[in-house]
């Protein structure tokens, strides 16, 4: 892919020599003989890098740099001069100059600097593309009163420094809400770091959160930064905070109060500036009464509570959500778009969606995968969803010749599979919903031949 370099200099010999050298390296070259010409012709030239002389007639290079950066903040600009002062170089750097090169130019050094600048430009373009795509993929979809109220809450709380506690059932989209709060905050350009408190073993969670020093424990072969450190200047999202042990809760509380911590095995205190957003599907006030959650930590986290409504309280959003998931899956799999019959939505809206939006997404993907035409109809809706629950309908099982034992096995398999899908194939969560311990559930999965997807 050809890249364009805009060279700005009032000396014709410099323009001629640089044009020849850069074209020999495969670059397209545009030239300008003044700052005004460079600024006015920027859109037409559409350069990937600008090489800009400091001393120019009329608008000098520093002012031209400022104007160019205003038009394209990601544009790498290399300043060059044969007699610039340190003050000029410092000013240019503060205004966003990518580098400062002295005349007479060293061609090898110049080409290397241009190569790095082109790479920087490409990374900026890719970053912008993925940010835009991420924003479209991770938006809160819906136009119900519940989702409008949720967006209003996010708009109000986002710009503040307040800690936020997000509650809601599994699969409602608590992480999406957390990311939306981050995007609405003054920290949006900072990191968003997620910690799944339920997925980290108790013996490792301190290291995960605060980091560790080399040799702090067996296997600590090198120093490692923790999540608090990585989230400095941004947002730390503590998902499933209700599954954190009381011991770890005490350490978290201290860090939230002081915004300082020590790595495991270390003595040096590290200060951080982190906004905390926590989420849980548990009733933390009930957990406090049972002695499983610290009351002081609850009040520290629950400065601004946000409840994410279950899908059954926003059924009018189901058509929008379903169409979005169908389009998204078709795009990801590079397959032709699939149309959806209106009758499908009536069936979907009659179902209680115990797994909420996550379950709806799984159903949408399954229907697209199994669809043998370019249109989804009511017949493509899975039987358990058409049946409005986990109980099998009479038409879903043979009328005779099956036997009670086999019928029970089929029912158990369907019932457990639906719970696993609702929990995103998270076995501990499904076990909790089913009211059994995880070892019993694993045993039952093996018995029924249910395999957990590898991804």
Protein backbone atom coordinates (compact mmCIF):
# COMPACT_ATOMS: atom_id res chain seq x y z
CA UNK A 1 0.00 0.00 0.00
CA UNK A 2 1.48 3.32 -1.09
CA UNK A 3 1.92 6.02 1.55
CA UNK A 4 1.99 9.77 0.87
CA UNK A 5 4.51 12.21 2.34
CA UNK A 6 3.90 15.97 2.26
CA UNK A 7 7.18 17.95 2.25
CA UNK A 8 6.91 21.62 3.22
CA UNK A 9 9.96 23.83 2.56
CA UNK A 10 10.68 27.09 0.76
CA UNK A 11 14.01 25.86 -0.61
CA UNK A 12 13.54 24.29 -4.06
CA UNK A 13 16.71 22.19 -3.70
CA UNK A 14 15.34 20.54 -0.53
CA UNK A 15 12.02 19.78 -2.21
CA UNK A 16 13.71 18.26 -5.27
CA UNK A 17 16.18 16.13 -3.32
CA UNK A 18 13.61 14.84 -0.80
CA UNK A 19 11.05 14.09 -3.52
CA UNK A 20 13.60 11.99 -5.42
CA UNK A 21 14.87 10.13 -2.35
CA UNK A 22 11.37 9.36 -1.02
CA UNK A 23 9.97 8.30 -4.39
CA UNK A 24 12.92 5.91 -4.74
CA UNK A 25 11.74 4.32 -1.47
CA UNK A 26 8.22 3.82 -2.87
CA UNK A 27 6.46 6.81 -1.26
CA UNK A 28 4.17 9.21 -3.08
CA UNK A 29 5.34 12.77 -2.49
CA UNK A 30 3.41 16.04 -2.42
CA UNK A 31 5.15 19.38 -1.88
CA UNK A 32 4.22 22.78 -0.46
CA UNK A 33 6.39 25.92 -0.44
CA UNK A 34 4.73 27.67 2.50
CA UNK A 35 2.77 26.95 5.65
CA UNK A 36 -0.37 28.42 4.14
CA UNK A 37 -0.07 26.18 1.08
CA UNK A 38 0.42 23.12 3.31
CA UNK A 39 -2.63 23.88 5.47
CA UNK A 40 -4.89 24.75 2.51
CA UNK A 41 -3.78 21.69 0.52
CA UNK A 42 -3.85 19.18 3.36
CA UNK A 43 -7.14 17.54 2.40
CA UNK A 44 -6.16 17.24 -1.25
CA UNK A 45 -2.75 15.75 -0.46
CA UNK A 46 -4.17 13.46 2.30
CA UNK A 47 -0.66 12.69 3.59
CA UNK A 48 0.30 9.98 6.04
CA UNK A 49 3.29 12.03 7.27
CA UNK A 50 4.32 15.69 6.92
CA UNK A 51 7.95 16.88 6.84
CA UNK A 52 7.75 20.54 7.83
CA UNK A 53 10.51 23.16 7.89
CA UNK A 54 10.53 25.49 10.88
CA UNK A 55 11.58 28.64 9.04
CA UNK A 56 9.07 29.52 6.34
CA UNK A 57 7.93 32.81 4.77
CA UNK A 58 4.66 34.12 6.18
CA UNK A 59 3.22 31.46 8.48
CA UNK A 60 6.18 29.84 10.20
CA UNK A 61 6.51 26.10 10.76
CA UNK A 62 5.37 26.14 14.39
CA UNK A 63 2.12 27.91 13.52
CA UNK A 64 1.65 25.62 10.50
CA UNK A 65 2.16 22.62 12.81
CA UNK A 66 -0.59 23.87 15.10
CA UNK A 67 -2.98 24.41 12.18
CA UNK A 68 -2.21 21.01 10.65
CA UNK A 69 -2.77 19.23 13.97
CA UNK A 70 -6.09 21.04 14.42
CA UNK A 71 -7.25 19.64 11.07
CA UNK A 72 -5.89 16.13 11.71
CA UNK A 73 -4.89 15.39 15.34
CA UNK A 74 -3.41 11.98 14.43
CA UNK A 75 -1.15 13.32 11.65
CA UNK A 76 2.58 12.71 12.37
CA UNK A 77 4.56 15.88 11.63
CA UNK A 78 8.36 15.80 11.45
CA UNK A 79 9.90 19.24 12.05
CA UNK A 80 13.25 20.06 10.41
CA UNK A 81 15.58 23.02 10.77
CA UNK A 82 19.22 23.93 10.42
CA UNK A 83 19.30 26.56 13.15
CA UNK A 84 16.36 26.09 15.48
CA UNK A 85 16.65 26.94 19.17
CA UNK A 86 15.89 24.54 22.02
CA UNK A 87 12.93 26.76 22.86
CA UNK A 88 11.50 26.23 19.37
CA UNK A 89 12.01 22.47 19.57
CA UNK A 90 10.29 22.31 22.97
CA UNK A 91 7.36 24.39 21.72
CA UNK A 92 6.97 22.20 18.62
CA UNK A 93 7.05 19.06 20.75
CA UNK A 94 4.36 20.43 23.07
CA UNK A 95 2.20 21.18 20.04
CA UNK A 96 2.43 17.53 18.99
CA UNK A 97 5.40 17.31 16.62
CA UNK A 98 6.32 13.65 16.11
CA UNK A 99 10.07 14.34 15.93
CA UNK A 100 12.60 17.11 15.33
CA UNK A 101 15.29 16.59 12.66
CA UNK A 102 18.33 18.78 12.11
CA UNK A 103 19.62 19.95 8.71
CA UNK A 104 21.63 18.85 6.84
CA UNK A 105 19.42 15.77 6.77
CA UNK A 106 20.76 12.29 7.37
CA UNK A 107 18.77 10.31 4.80
CA UNK A 108 19.02 6.96 6.59
CA UNK A 109 17.84 8.48 9.84
CA UNK A 110 15.07 10.37 8.06
CA UNK A 111 13.78 7.23 6.32
CA UNK A 112 13.78 5.30 9.60
CA UNK A 113 11.88 8.10 11.34
CA UNK A 114 9.34 8.24 8.50
CA UNK A 115 8.86 4.47 8.72
CA UNK A 116 8.13 4.75 12.44
CA UNK A 117 5.79 7.69 11.84
CA UNK A 118 3.86 5.79 9.14
CA UNK A 119 3.52 2.87 11.55
CA UNK A 120 2.22 5.24 14.23
CA UNK A 121 -0.30 6.66 11.77
CA UNK A 122 -1.51 3.18 10.84
CA UNK A 123 -1.92 2.23 14.49
CA UNK A 124 -3.95 5.39 15.12
CA UNK A 125 -6.22 4.56 12.17
CA UNK A 126 -6.67 0.98 13.38
CA UNK A 127 -7.33 2.17 16.92
CA UNK A 128 -10.00 4.59 15.70
CA UNK A 129 -11.61 1.86 13.57
CA UNK A 130 -11.76 -0.61 16.45
CA UNK A 131 -13.02 2.03 18.88
CA UNK A 132 -15.87 2.84 16.51
CA UNK A 133 -16.63 -0.82 15.89
CA UNK A 134 -16.39 -1.60 19.60
CA UNK A 135 -18.79 1.25 20.35
CA UNK A 136 -21.31 -0.13 17.84
CA UNK A 137 -20.92 -3.70 19.09
CA UNK A 138 -21.13 -2.83 22.78
CA UNK A 139 -23.94 -0.30 22.76
CA UNK A 140 -27.06 -0.52 24.89
CA UNK A 141 -29.76 -1.47 22.41
CA UNK A 142 -33.41 -0.70 22.97
CA UNK A 143 -36.00 2.06 23.10
CA UNK A 144 -38.12 0.91 26.04
CA UNK A 145 -38.80 3.20 29.00
CA UNK A 146 -36.53 0.99 31.13
CA UNK A 147 -33.56 1.32 28.77
CA UNK A 148 -34.12 5.08 28.29
CA UNK A 149 -34.08 5.55 32.06
CA UNK A 150 -30.88 3.49 32.22
CA UNK A 151 -29.21 5.69 29.59
CA UNK A 152 -30.26 8.80 31.53
CA UNK A 153 -28.65 7.42 34.69
CA UNK A 154 -25.43 6.71 32.81
CA UNK A 155 -25.35 10.24 31.35
CA UNK A 156 -25.75 11.76 34.82
CA UNK A 157 -23.30 9.56 36.75
CA UNK A 158 -20.70 9.10 33.99
CA UNK A 159 -18.87 12.45 34.30
CA UNK A 160 -18.62 12.20 38.12
CA UNK A 161 -15.93 10.44 40.18
CA UNK A 162 -18.51 8.46 42.17
CA UNK A 163 -18.23 4.71 42.63
CA UNK A 164 -21.05 2.80 40.95
CA UNK A 165 -22.68 -0.49 41.97
CA UNK A 166 -24.48 -2.22 39.09
CA UNK A 167 -27.00 -4.90 40.02
CA UNK A 168 -29.07 -7.21 37.89
CA UNK A 169 -29.68 -10.81 36.93
CA UNK A 170 -27.20 -12.89 34.95
CA UNK A 171 -27.11 -11.98 31.27
CA UNK A 172 -28.72 -8.54 31.57
CA UNK A 173 -25.64 -6.67 30.34
CA UNK A 174 -24.01 -5.32 33.49
CA UNK A 175 -20.60 -5.16 31.80
CA UNK A 176 -22.08 -3.11 28.93
CA UNK A 177 -23.44 -0.65 31.47
CA UNK A 178 -20.05 -0.44 33.18
CA UNK A 179 -18.34 0.29 29.86
CA UNK A 180 -21.00 2.87 29.01
CA UNK A 181 -20.34 4.66 32.33
CA UNK A 182 -16.62 4.64 31.52
CA UNK A 183 -17.22 6.05 28.02
CA UNK A 184 -19.37 8.82 29.52
CA UNK A 185 -16.67 9.75 32.03
CA UNK A 186 -13.72 12.12 31.89
CA UNK A 187 -11.57 8.98 32.01
CA UNK A 188 -12.84 7.63 28.68
CA UNK A 189 -9.37 7.85 27.13
CA UNK A 190 -7.88 5.96 30.07
CA UNK A 191 -7.88 2.18 30.54
CA UNK A 192 -10.95 0.11 31.34
CA UNK A 193 -9.73 -2.93 33.29
CA UNK A 194 -12.08 -5.79 34.17
CA UNK A 195 -11.71 -8.28 37.00
CA UNK A 196 -14.06 -11.26 37.27
CA UNK A 197 -13.95 -11.83 41.02
CA UNK A 198 -15.76 -15.17 40.73
CA UNK A 199 -13.29 -16.63 38.24
CA UNK A 200 -10.05 -16.01 40.18
CA UNK A 201 -9.01 -18.52 42.87
CA UNK A 202 -8.87 -17.06 46.37
CA UNK A 203 -5.14 -17.69 46.69
CA UNK A 204 -4.43 -15.67 43.51
CA UNK A 205 -6.82 -12.75 43.75
CA UNK A 206 -4.49 -10.51 45.77
CA UNK A 207 -1.76 -10.94 43.17
CA UNK A 208 -4.30 -10.32 40.41
CA UNK A 209 -5.53 -7.10 41.99
CA UNK A 210 -2.35 -5.63 43.47
CA UNK A 211 0.45 -7.40 41.56
CA UNK A 212 3.46 -9.13 43.07
CA UNK A 213 7.21 -8.83 43.35
CA UNK A 214 9.64 -11.36 41.99
CA UNK A 215 9.95 -14.31 44.39
CA UNK A 216 6.86 -13.34 46.40
CA UNK A 217 5.60 -16.92 46.11
CA UNK A 218 6.35 -20.12 44.22
CA UNK A 219 6.04 -19.39 40.52
CA UNK A 220 6.51 -15.61 40.84
CA UNK A 221 9.46 -15.52 38.45
CA UNK A 222 9.15 -11.81 37.71
CA UNK A 223 7.48 -8.67 38.98
CA UNK A 224 3.89 -8.30 37.81
CA UNK A 225 1.62 -5.27 37.84
CA UNK A 226 -1.87 -5.81 39.23
CA UNK A 227 -5.23 -4.65 37.95
CA UNK A 228 -5.28 -1.57 40.19
CA UNK A 229 -1.94 -0.51 38.72
CA UNK A 230 -3.07 -1.19 35.15
CA UNK A 231 -6.28 0.81 35.69
CA UNK A 232 -4.45 3.93 36.95
CA UNK A 233 -6.05 6.98 35.37
CA UNK A 234 -9.04 4.94 34.23
CA UNK A 235 -11.74 2.61 35.50
CA UNK A 236 -11.52 -0.70 37.36
CA UNK A 237 -14.57 -2.92 36.88
CA UNK A 238 -15.01 -5.48 39.67
CA UNK A 239 -17.49 -7.97 38.22
CA UNK A 240 -19.26 -10.46 40.51
CA UNK A 241 -18.08 -8.54 43.58
CA UNK A 242 -20.47 -10.57 45.72
CA UNK A 243 -18.28 -13.66 45.23
CA UNK A 244 -15.21 -12.05 46.79
CA UNK A 245 -14.05 -13.46 50.14
CA UNK A 246 -14.28 -11.41 53.34
CA UNK A 247 -10.47 -11.34 53.57
CA UNK A 248 -10.12 -9.83 50.11
CA UNK A 249 -13.03 -7.47 50.77
CA UNK A 250 -11.08 -5.99 53.69
CA UNK A 251 -8.04 -5.34 51.49
CA UNK A 252 -10.18 -3.83 48.74
CA UNK A 253 -11.83 -1.51 51.26
CA UNK A 254 -8.49 -0.20 52.46
CA UNK A 255 -7.33 0.50 48.92
CA UNK A 256 -10.59 2.29 48.07
CA UNK A 257 -10.21 4.48 51.14
CA UNK A 258 -6.57 5.39 50.57
CA UNK A 259 -6.01 4.72 46.84
CA UNK A 260 -2.66 3.15 47.70
CA UNK A 261 -1.44 -0.43 48.02
CA UNK A 262 1.61 -2.68 48.21
CA UNK A 263 2.30 -5.51 45.80
CA UNK A 264 2.33 -9.02 47.24
CA UNK A 265 5.82 -9.57 48.63
CA UNK A 266 6.68 -5.88 48.39
CA UNK A 267 7.02 -3.01 50.83
CA UNK A 268 6.83 -0.01 48.50
CA UNK A 269 3.53 1.87 48.53
CA UNK A 270 1.98 2.59 45.12
CA UNK A 271 -0.58 5.36 44.71
CA UNK A 272 -3.25 5.15 42.02
CA UNK A 273 -6.14 7.21 40.67
CA UNK A 274 -8.85 4.69 39.83
CA UNK A 275 -12.61 4.88 39.53
CA UNK A 276 -14.38 1.78 40.81
CA UNK A 277 -17.42 0.24 39.16
CA UNK A 278 -18.67 -2.99 40.73
CA UNK A 279 -21.37 -5.41 39.61
CA UNK A 280 -23.22 -8.34 41.13
CA UNK A 281 -26.25 -10.54 40.56
CA UNK A 282 -26.62 -11.05 44.30
CA UNK A 283 -28.63 -9.15 46.90
CA UNK A 284 -25.70 -7.65 48.81
CA UNK A 285 -27.89 -6.42 51.65
CA UNK A 286 -29.03 -10.03 52.20
CA UNK A 287 -25.39 -11.12 51.96
CA UNK A 288 -24.54 -8.57 54.68
CA UNK A 289 -27.24 -9.98 56.96
CA UNK A 290 -25.80 -13.47 56.39
CA UNK A 291 -22.30 -12.22 57.25
CA UNK A 292 -20.90 -12.88 53.77
CA UNK A 293 -20.34 -9.27 52.70
CA UNK A 294 -18.88 -6.30 54.55
CA UNK A 295 -21.35 -3.52 55.23
CA UNK A 296 -18.65 -0.81 55.09
CA UNK A 297 -17.51 -2.02 51.67
CA UNK A 298 -21.11 -2.05 50.44
CA UNK A 299 -21.59 1.61 51.34
CA UNK A 300 -18.24 2.49 49.79
CA UNK A 301 -19.27 0.83 46.49
CA UNK A 302 -22.94 1.77 46.52
CA UNK A 303 -22.49 5.52 46.12
CA UNK A 304 -24.59 5.42 42.96
CA UNK A 305 -26.66 2.25 42.46
CA UNK A 306 -27.74 1.27 38.94
CA UNK A 307 -30.13 -1.64 38.37
CA UNK A 308 -30.11 -3.27 34.94
CA UNK A 309 -33.64 -4.45 34.11
CA UNK A 310 -34.23 -8.08 33.12
CA UNK A 311 -35.34 -8.71 29.54
CA UNK A 312 -38.87 -9.68 30.64
CA UNK A 313 -39.34 -6.07 31.82
CA UNK A 314 -38.37 -4.66 28.43
CA UNK A 315 -39.95 -7.12 25.98
CA UNK A 316 -40.60 -4.30 23.49
CA UNK A 317 -36.82 -4.22 22.92
CA UNK A 318 -36.67 -7.87 21.85
CA UNK A 319 -37.20 -7.20 18.09
CA UNK A 320 -34.41 -4.58 18.06
CA UNK A 321 -32.06 -6.82 20.03
CA UNK A 322 -32.81 -9.93 17.98
CA UNK A 323 -32.31 -8.17 14.65
CA UNK A 324 -29.05 -6.70 15.94
CA UNK A 325 -27.72 -10.11 16.99
CA UNK A 326 -28.73 -11.68 13.68
CA UNK A 327 -26.99 -8.92 11.66
CA UNK A 328 -23.92 -9.08 13.91
CA UNK A 329 -23.58 -12.85 13.58
CA UNK A 330 -24.07 -12.79 9.80
CA UNK A 331 -21.37 -10.09 9.49
CA UNK A 332 -18.94 -12.00 11.70
CA UNK A 333 -19.43 -15.19 9.67
CA UNK A 334 -19.35 -13.37 6.30
CA UNK A 335 -22.69 -14.82 5.28
CA UNK A 336 -25.57 -13.19 3.46
CA UNK A 337 -28.01 -11.25 5.69
CA UNK A 338 -30.99 -13.22 7.00
CA UNK A 339 -34.48 -11.73 7.10
CA UNK A 340 -36.77 -12.24 10.12
CA UNK A 341 -40.53 -12.86 9.88
CA UNK A 342 -42.57 -10.61 12.15
CA UNK A 343 -44.24 -13.69 13.65
CA UNK A 344 -40.92 -14.69 15.23
CA UNK A 345 -41.07 -11.69 17.56
CA UNK A 346 -44.44 -12.65 19.01
CA UNK A 347 -43.02 -16.02 20.00
CA UNK A 348 -39.85 -14.50 21.45
CA UNK A 349 -41.78 -11.88 23.42
CA UNK A 350 -43.97 -14.56 25.03
CA UNK A 351 -40.93 -16.36 26.48
CA UNK A 352 -39.72 -15.32 30.01
CA UNK A 353 -35.97 -15.29 29.12
CA UNK A 354 -34.44 -16.51 32.39
CA UNK A 355 -31.00 -16.00 30.80
CA UNK A 356 -31.94 -12.49 29.67
CA UNK A 357 -30.11 -10.78 26.77
CA UNK A 358 -27.29 -13.32 26.79
CA UNK A 359 -29.78 -16.13 26.22
CA UNK A 360 -31.51 -14.16 23.44
CA UNK A 361 -28.15 -13.70 21.71
CA UNK A 362 -27.42 -17.44 21.94
CA UNK A 363 -30.84 -18.25 20.49
CA UNK A 364 -30.35 -15.76 17.64
CA UNK A 365 -27.00 -17.27 16.71
CA UNK A 366 -28.35 -20.84 16.91
CA UNK A 367 -31.29 -19.94 14.66
CA UNK A 368 -29.00 -18.38 12.05
CA UNK A 369 -26.65 -21.37 12.15
CA UNK A 370 -29.46 -23.89 11.67
CA UNK A 371 -31.47 -21.81 9.18
CA UNK A 372 -31.49 -23.41 5.70
CA UNK A 373 -32.93 -20.40 3.88
CA UNK A 374 -32.52 -16.65 3.88
CA UNK A 375 -35.46 -16.09 6.23
CA UNK A 376 -36.11 -16.99 9.88
CA UNK A 377 -39.65 -18.13 10.69
CA UNK A 378 -41.50 -19.32 13.80
CA UNK A 379 -40.48 -22.88 12.92
CA UNK A 380 -36.83 -21.89 13.41
CA UNK A 381 -37.44 -20.85 17.04
CA UNK A 382 -36.09 -23.57 19.40
CA UNK A 383 -38.84 -25.76 20.91
CA UNK A 384 -38.03 -24.74 24.50
CA UNK A 385 -38.57 -21.09 23.58
CA UNK A 386 -41.76 -21.82 21.63
CA UNK A 387 -42.97 -23.71 24.70
CA UNK A 388 -42.55 -20.57 26.88
CA UNK A 389 -40.43 -22.34 29.46
CA UNK A 390 -38.39 -25.36 30.32
CA UNK A 391 -41.30 -27.80 30.47
CA UNK A 392 -41.47 -29.79 27.22
CA UNK A 393 -44.68 -29.55 25.25
CA UNK A 394 -46.61 -32.66 24.34
CA UNK A 395 -45.50 -32.34 20.72
CA UNK A 396 -41.84 -32.21 21.64
CA UNK A 397 -41.70 -35.88 22.78
CA UNK A 398 -43.04 -39.04 21.14
CA UNK A 399 -46.52 -40.03 22.33
CA UNK A 400 -45.54 -43.65 23.04
CA UNK A 401 -42.68 -46.09 22.93
CA UNK A 402 -40.21 -43.88 24.80
CA UNK A 403 -40.48 -45.10 28.37
CA UNK A 404 -40.45 -42.98 31.51
CA UNK A 405 -36.70 -43.30 32.10
CA UNK A 406 -35.80 -42.09 28.60
CA UNK A 407 -38.38 -39.30 28.77
CA UNK A 408 -36.91 -38.16 32.08
CA UNK A 409 -33.41 -38.24 30.57
CA UNK A 410 -34.49 -36.14 27.58
CA UNK A 411 -36.18 -33.64 29.87
CA UNK A 412 -33.13 -33.40 32.16
CA UNK A 413 -30.82 -32.89 29.21
CA UNK A 414 -32.96 -30.09 27.77
CA UNK A 415 -33.55 -28.48 31.15
CA UNK A 416 -29.85 -28.46 32.11
CA UNK A 417 -28.77 -27.32 28.63
CA UNK A 418 -31.12 -24.33 28.79
CA UNK A 419 -29.72 -23.31 32.17
CA UNK A 420 -26.16 -23.64 30.87
CA UNK A 421 -27.00 -21.50 27.85
CA UNK A 422 -28.64 -18.91 30.10
CA UNK A 423 -25.45 -18.80 32.19
CA UNK A 424 -23.22 -18.50 29.13
CA UNK A 425 -22.00 -22.09 29.74
CA UNK A 426 -20.63 -21.06 33.13
CA UNK A 427 -21.03 -24.29 35.13
CA UNK A 428 -20.83 -22.75 38.65
CA UNK A 429 -23.53 -20.20 37.75
CA UNK A 430 -25.74 -22.86 36.21
CA UNK A 431 -25.27 -25.08 39.27
CA UNK A 432 -26.39 -22.23 41.53
CA UNK A 433 -29.49 -21.62 39.39
CA UNK A 434 -30.30 -25.35 39.40
CA UNK A 435 -29.82 -25.60 43.17
CA UNK A 436 -27.06 -28.24 43.05
CA UNK A 437 -23.35 -28.16 43.79
CA UNK A 438 -20.99 -27.95 40.84
CA UNK A 439 -19.52 -31.45 41.33
CA UNK A 440 -23.00 -32.95 41.05
CA UNK A 441 -23.66 -30.95 37.93
CA UNK A 442 -20.38 -32.01 36.32
CA UNK A 443 -21.31 -35.64 37.09
CA UNK A 444 -24.74 -35.15 35.52
CA UNK A 445 -23.22 -33.53 32.40
CA UNK A 446 -21.03 -36.59 31.91
CA UNK A 447 -23.97 -38.91 32.48
CA UNK A 448 -26.18 -37.08 29.96
CA UNK A 449 -23.40 -36.57 27.41
CA UNK A 450 -23.59 -32.77 27.52
CA UNK A 451 -20.32 -31.18 26.37
CA UNK A 452 -19.24 -27.68 27.38
CA UNK A 453 -18.14 -25.65 24.30
CA UNK A 454 -14.42 -24.95 24.23
CA UNK A 455 -14.89 -21.26 23.38
